[in-house]
Amino acid sequence: MKVDKMEKLVAEVIEKLEKLKQTELAADLSWCWVSFQNDQNPTGVVAKATQALAAFKEAREKNAKAVAKKLVEDLEKALA
């Protein structure tokens, strides 16, 4: 995980998850991010961000305008 990229993206990802009615995943990612900032263990952030990426791709399949392509690409790069 690229911390600097994830740091810039995490708020936008959480916001988009909430708009997609994925509030539990948004809350989990938010909690994992705060936890990561305290202990520097990226396991939870990576797991929840990967789930978010899957949710975004699924939303894009149903409606290409539901999630910006750039957000999906940026999240993929941050996770790489």
N, C-alpha and C. Protein backbone atom coordinates (compact mmCIF):
# COMPACT_ATOMS: atom_id res chain seq x y z
N MET A 1 0.84 -1.18 0.00
CA MET A 1 0.00 0.00 0.00
C MET A 1 0.89 1.25 0.00
N LYS A 2 0.51 2.19 -0.85
CA LYS A 2 1.23 3.46 -0.90
C LYS A 2 0.53 4.44 0.04
N VAL A 3 1.15 4.68 1.18
CA VAL A 3 0.53 5.46 2.25
C VAL A 3 0.20 6.87 1.80
N ASP A 4 1.12 7.52 1.09
CA ASP A 4 0.89 8.91 0.68
C ASP A 4 -0.33 9.03 -0.24
N LYS A 5 -0.48 8.08 -1.16
CA LYS A 5 -1.64 8.12 -2.06
C LYS A 5 -2.92 7.77 -1.31
N MET A 6 -2.84 6.79 -0.42
CA MET A 6 -4.02 6.39 0.33
C MET A 6 -4.48 7.53 1.24
N GLU A 7 -3.52 8.26 1.79
CA GLU A 7 -3.84 9.37 2.68
C GLU A 7 -4.68 10.42 1.96
N LYS A 8 -4.37 10.67 0.69
CA LYS A 8 -5.11 11.65 -0.09
C LYS A 8 -6.48 11.13 -0.50
N LEU A 9 -6.61 9.82 -0.64
CA LEU A 9 -7.82 9.21 -1.16
C LEU A 9 -8.85 8.78 -0.13
N VAL A 10 -8.41 8.45 1.06
CA VAL A 10 -9.27 7.74 2.00
C VAL A 10 -10.57 8.49 2.30
N ALA A 11 -10.52 9.79 2.45
CA ALA A 11 -11.74 10.56 2.75
C ALA A 11 -12.72 10.49 1.57
N GLU A 12 -12.19 10.60 0.36
CA GLU A 12 -13.04 10.54 -0.84
C GLU A 12 -13.66 9.16 -0.99
N VAL A 13 -12.88 8.12 -0.71
CA VAL A 13 -13.38 6.75 -0.81
C VAL A 13 -14.51 6.54 0.21
N ILE A 14 -14.30 6.98 1.43
CA ILE A 14 -15.32 6.83 2.48
C ILE A 14 -16.59 7.58 2.09
N GLU A 15 -16.44 8.79 1.59
CA GLU A 15 -17.59 9.59 1.17
C GLU A 15 -18.38 8.89 0.06
N LYS A 16 -17.66 8.35 -0.92
CA LYS A 16 -18.32 7.67 -2.04
C LYS A 16 -19.01 6.39 -1.57
N LEU A 17 -18.40 5.67 -0.64
CA LEU A 17 -19.04 4.48 -0.10
C LEU A 17 -20.36 4.84 0.58
N GLU A 18 -20.37 5.93 1.31
CA GLU A 18 -21.60 6.36 1.97
C GLU A 18 -22.68 6.72 0.96
N LYS A 19 -22.29 7.35 -0.14
CA LYS A 19 -23.26 7.69 -1.20
C LYS A 19 -23.82 6.44 -1.85
N LEU A 20 -23.01 5.38 -1.89
CA LEU A 20 -23.46 4.12 -2.49
C LEU A 20 -24.19 3.24 -1.47
N LYS A 21 -24.50 3.81 -0.31
CA LYS A 21 -25.21 3.10 0.76
C LYS A 21 -24.39 1.94 1.34
N GLN A 22 -23.08 2.05 1.27
CA GLN A 22 -22.17 1.05 1.85
C GLN A 22 -21.64 1.63 3.17
N THR A 23 -22.55 2.01 4.04
CA THR A 23 -22.17 2.73 5.25
C THR A 23 -21.33 1.89 6.21
N GLU A 24 -21.62 0.60 6.29
CA GLU A 24 -20.84 -0.25 7.20
C GLU A 24 -19.39 -0.35 6.72
N LEU A 25 -19.20 -0.55 5.42
CA LEU A 25 -17.85 -0.62 4.87
C LEU A 25 -17.14 0.73 5.03
N ALA A 26 -17.86 1.82 4.84
CA ALA A 26 -17.28 3.16 5.03
C ALA A 26 -16.81 3.33 6.47
N ALA A 27 -17.63 2.92 7.42
CA ALA A 27 -17.27 3.03 8.84
C ALA A 27 -16.07 2.15 9.16
N ASP A 28 -16.05 0.94 8.61
CA ASP A 28 -14.94 0.02 8.84
C ASP A 28 -13.63 0.60 8.29
N LEU A 29 -13.70 1.13 7.07
CA LEU A 29 -12.50 1.71 6.47
C LEU A 29 -12.01 2.90 7.28
N SER A 30 -12.93 3.72 7.72
CA SER A 30 -12.58 4.88 8.54
C SER A 30 -11.88 4.43 9.82
N TRP A 31 -12.44 3.45 10.48
CA TRP A 31 -11.86 2.93 11.72
C TRP A 31 -10.47 2.34 11.45
N CYS A 32 -10.35 1.57 10.38
CA CYS A 32 -9.05 0.95 10.05
C CYS A 32 -8.00 2.01 9.73
N TRP A 33 -8.43 3.10 9.08
CA TRP A 33 -7.48 4.17 8.74
C TRP A 33 -6.93 4.82 10.00
N VAL A 34 -7.81 5.12 10.94
CA VAL A 34 -7.38 5.73 12.20
C VAL A 34 -6.46 4.76 12.95
N SER A 35 -6.83 3.49 12.95
CA SER A 35 -6.01 2.47 13.60
C SER A 35 -4.62 2.40 12.94
N PHE A 36 -4.60 2.46 11.60
CA PHE A 36 -3.33 2.42 10.87
C PHE A 36 -2.46 3.62 11.25
N GLN A 37 -3.06 4.78 11.38
CA GLN A 37 -2.28 5.96 11.74
C GLN A 37 -1.65 5.81 13.12
N ASN A 38 -2.28 5.04 13.98
CA ASN A 38 -1.73 4.83 15.32
C ASN A 38 -0.68 3.73 15.38
N ASP A 39 -0.93 2.61 14.67
CA ASP A 39 -0.02 1.46 14.81
C ASP A 39 0.80 1.13 13.56
N GLN A 40 0.53 1.82 12.44
CA GLN A 40 1.27 1.61 11.19
C GLN A 40 1.12 0.19 10.63
N ASN A 41 0.07 -0.52 11.04
CA ASN A 41 -0.21 -1.85 10.50
C ASN A 41 -1.28 -1.70 9.42
N PRO A 42 -0.90 -1.89 8.14
CA PRO A 42 -1.82 -1.60 7.04
C PRO A 42 -2.82 -2.71 6.72
N THR A 43 -2.79 -3.83 7.42
CA THR A 43 -3.61 -4.99 7.06
C THR A 43 -5.09 -4.64 6.93
N GLY A 44 -5.66 -3.99 7.92
CA GLY A 44 -7.08 -3.65 7.88
C GLY A 44 -7.42 -2.67 6.78
N VAL A 45 -6.57 -1.67 6.60
CA VAL A 45 -6.81 -0.66 5.56
C VAL A 45 -6.80 -1.33 4.20
N VAL A 46 -5.82 -2.18 3.96
CA VAL A 46 -5.72 -2.86 2.67
C VAL A 46 -6.95 -3.73 2.43
N ALA A 47 -7.37 -4.48 3.44
CA ALA A 47 -8.53 -5.36 3.30
C ALA A 47 -9.80 -4.56 2.99
N LYS A 48 -10.03 -3.50 3.75
CA LYS A 48 -11.26 -2.71 3.56
C LYS A 48 -11.20 -1.89 2.27
N ALA A 49 -10.03 -1.40 1.90
CA ALA A 49 -9.90 -0.64 0.65
C ALA A 49 -10.10 -1.57 -0.54
N THR A 50 -9.66 -2.81 -0.42
CA THR A 50 -9.87 -3.80 -1.48
C THR A 50 -11.37 -4.09 -1.63
N GLN A 51 -12.06 -4.19 -0.50
CA GLN A 51 -13.52 -4.37 -0.55
C GLN A 51 -14.20 -3.17 -1.18
N ALA A 52 -13.72 -1.98 -0.86
CA ALA A 52 -14.27 -0.75 -1.44
C ALA A 52 -14.06 -0.74 -2.94
N LEU A 53 -12.88 -1.15 -3.38
CA LEU A 53 -12.58 -1.20 -4.80
C LEU A 53 -13.54 -2.15 -5.51
N ALA A 54 -13.80 -3.30 -4.92
CA ALA A 54 -14.74 -4.26 -5.49
C ALA A 54 -16.14 -3.65 -5.57
N ALA A 55 -16.54 -2.94 -4.52
CA ALA A 55 -17.86 -2.29 -4.51
C ALA A 55 -17.95 -1.22 -5.59
N PHE A 56 -16.87 -0.47 -5.78
CA PHE A 56 -16.85 0.56 -6.81
C PHE A 56 -16.96 -0.05 -8.21
N LYS A 57 -16.23 -1.13 -8.44
CA LYS A 57 -16.28 -1.78 -9.74
C LYS A 57 -17.67 -2.34 -10.01
N GLU A 58 -18.28 -2.91 -8.99
CA GLU A 58 -19.65 -3.43 -9.13
C GLU A 58 -20.63 -2.30 -9.46
N ALA A 59 -20.48 -1.17 -8.77
CA ALA A 59 -21.35 -0.02 -9.02
C ALA A 59 -21.15 0.51 -10.43
N ARG A 60 -19.91 0.51 -10.91
CA ARG A 60 -19.62 0.98 -12.27
C ARG A 60 -20.20 0.05 -13.32
N GLU A 61 -20.28 -1.24 -13.02
CA GLU A 61 -20.88 -2.17 -13.97
C GLU A 61 -22.37 -1.87 -14.15
N LYS A 62 -23.03 -1.51 -13.07
CA LYS A 62 -24.46 -1.19 -13.12
C LYS A 62 -24.69 0.18 -13.74
N ASN A 63 -23.80 1.13 -13.41
CA ASN A 63 -23.95 2.49 -13.90
C ASN A 63 -22.55 3.11 -13.97
N ALA A 64 -22.06 3.31 -15.17
CA ALA A 64 -20.69 3.80 -15.36
C ALA A 64 -20.44 5.14 -14.68
N LYS A 65 -21.48 5.90 -14.44
CA LYS A 65 -21.31 7.22 -13.83
C LYS A 65 -21.43 7.19 -12.31
N ALA A 66 -21.70 6.01 -11.75
CA ALA A 66 -21.89 5.90 -10.29
C ALA A 66 -20.60 6.22 -9.54
N VAL A 67 -19.47 5.79 -10.09
CA VAL A 67 -18.17 6.03 -9.46
C VAL A 67 -17.21 6.49 -10.55
N ALA A 68 -16.49 7.55 -10.28
CA ALA A 68 -15.56 8.08 -11.27
C ALA A 68 -14.45 7.07 -11.57
N LYS A 69 -14.15 6.91 -12.84
CA LYS A 69 -13.10 5.99 -13.26
C LYS A 69 -11.77 6.37 -12.60
N LYS A 70 -11.51 7.66 -12.47
CA LYS A 70 -10.27 8.14 -11.86
C LYS A 70 -10.16 7.67 -10.40
N LEU A 71 -11.28 7.69 -9.67
CA LEU A 71 -11.26 7.23 -8.28
C LEU A 71 -10.89 5.75 -8.21
N VAL A 72 -11.46 4.95 -9.09
CA VAL A 72 -11.15 3.52 -9.13
C VAL A 72 -9.66 3.33 -9.45
N GLU A 73 -9.18 4.03 -10.46
CA GLU A 73 -7.76 3.90 -10.86
C GLU A 73 -6.83 4.37 -9.74
N ASP A 74 -7.17 5.48 -9.11
CA ASP A 74 -6.32 6.00 -8.02
C ASP A 74 -6.28 5.03 -6.85
N LEU A 75 -7.42 4.41 -6.54
CA LEU A 75 -7.46 3.45 -5.45
C LEU A 75 -6.63 2.21 -5.80
N GLU A 76 -6.72 1.77 -7.04
CA GLU A 76 -5.89 0.62 -7.48
C GLU A 76 -4.41 0.94 -7.33
N LYS A 77 -4.01 2.15 -7.70
CA LYS A 77 -2.60 2.56 -7.60
C LYS A 77 -2.17 2.64 -6.13
N ALA A 78 -3.04 3.14 -5.28
CA ALA A 78 -2.71 3.28 -3.87
C ALA A 78 -2.55 1.91 -3.22
N LEU A 79 -3.31 0.94 -3.68
CA LEU A 79 -3.23 -0.41 -3.12
C LEU A 79 -2.05 -1.21 -3.67
N ALA A 80 -1.56 -0.82 -4.83
CA ALA A 80 -0.50 -1.58 -5.50
C ALA A 80 0.80 -1.60 -4.70
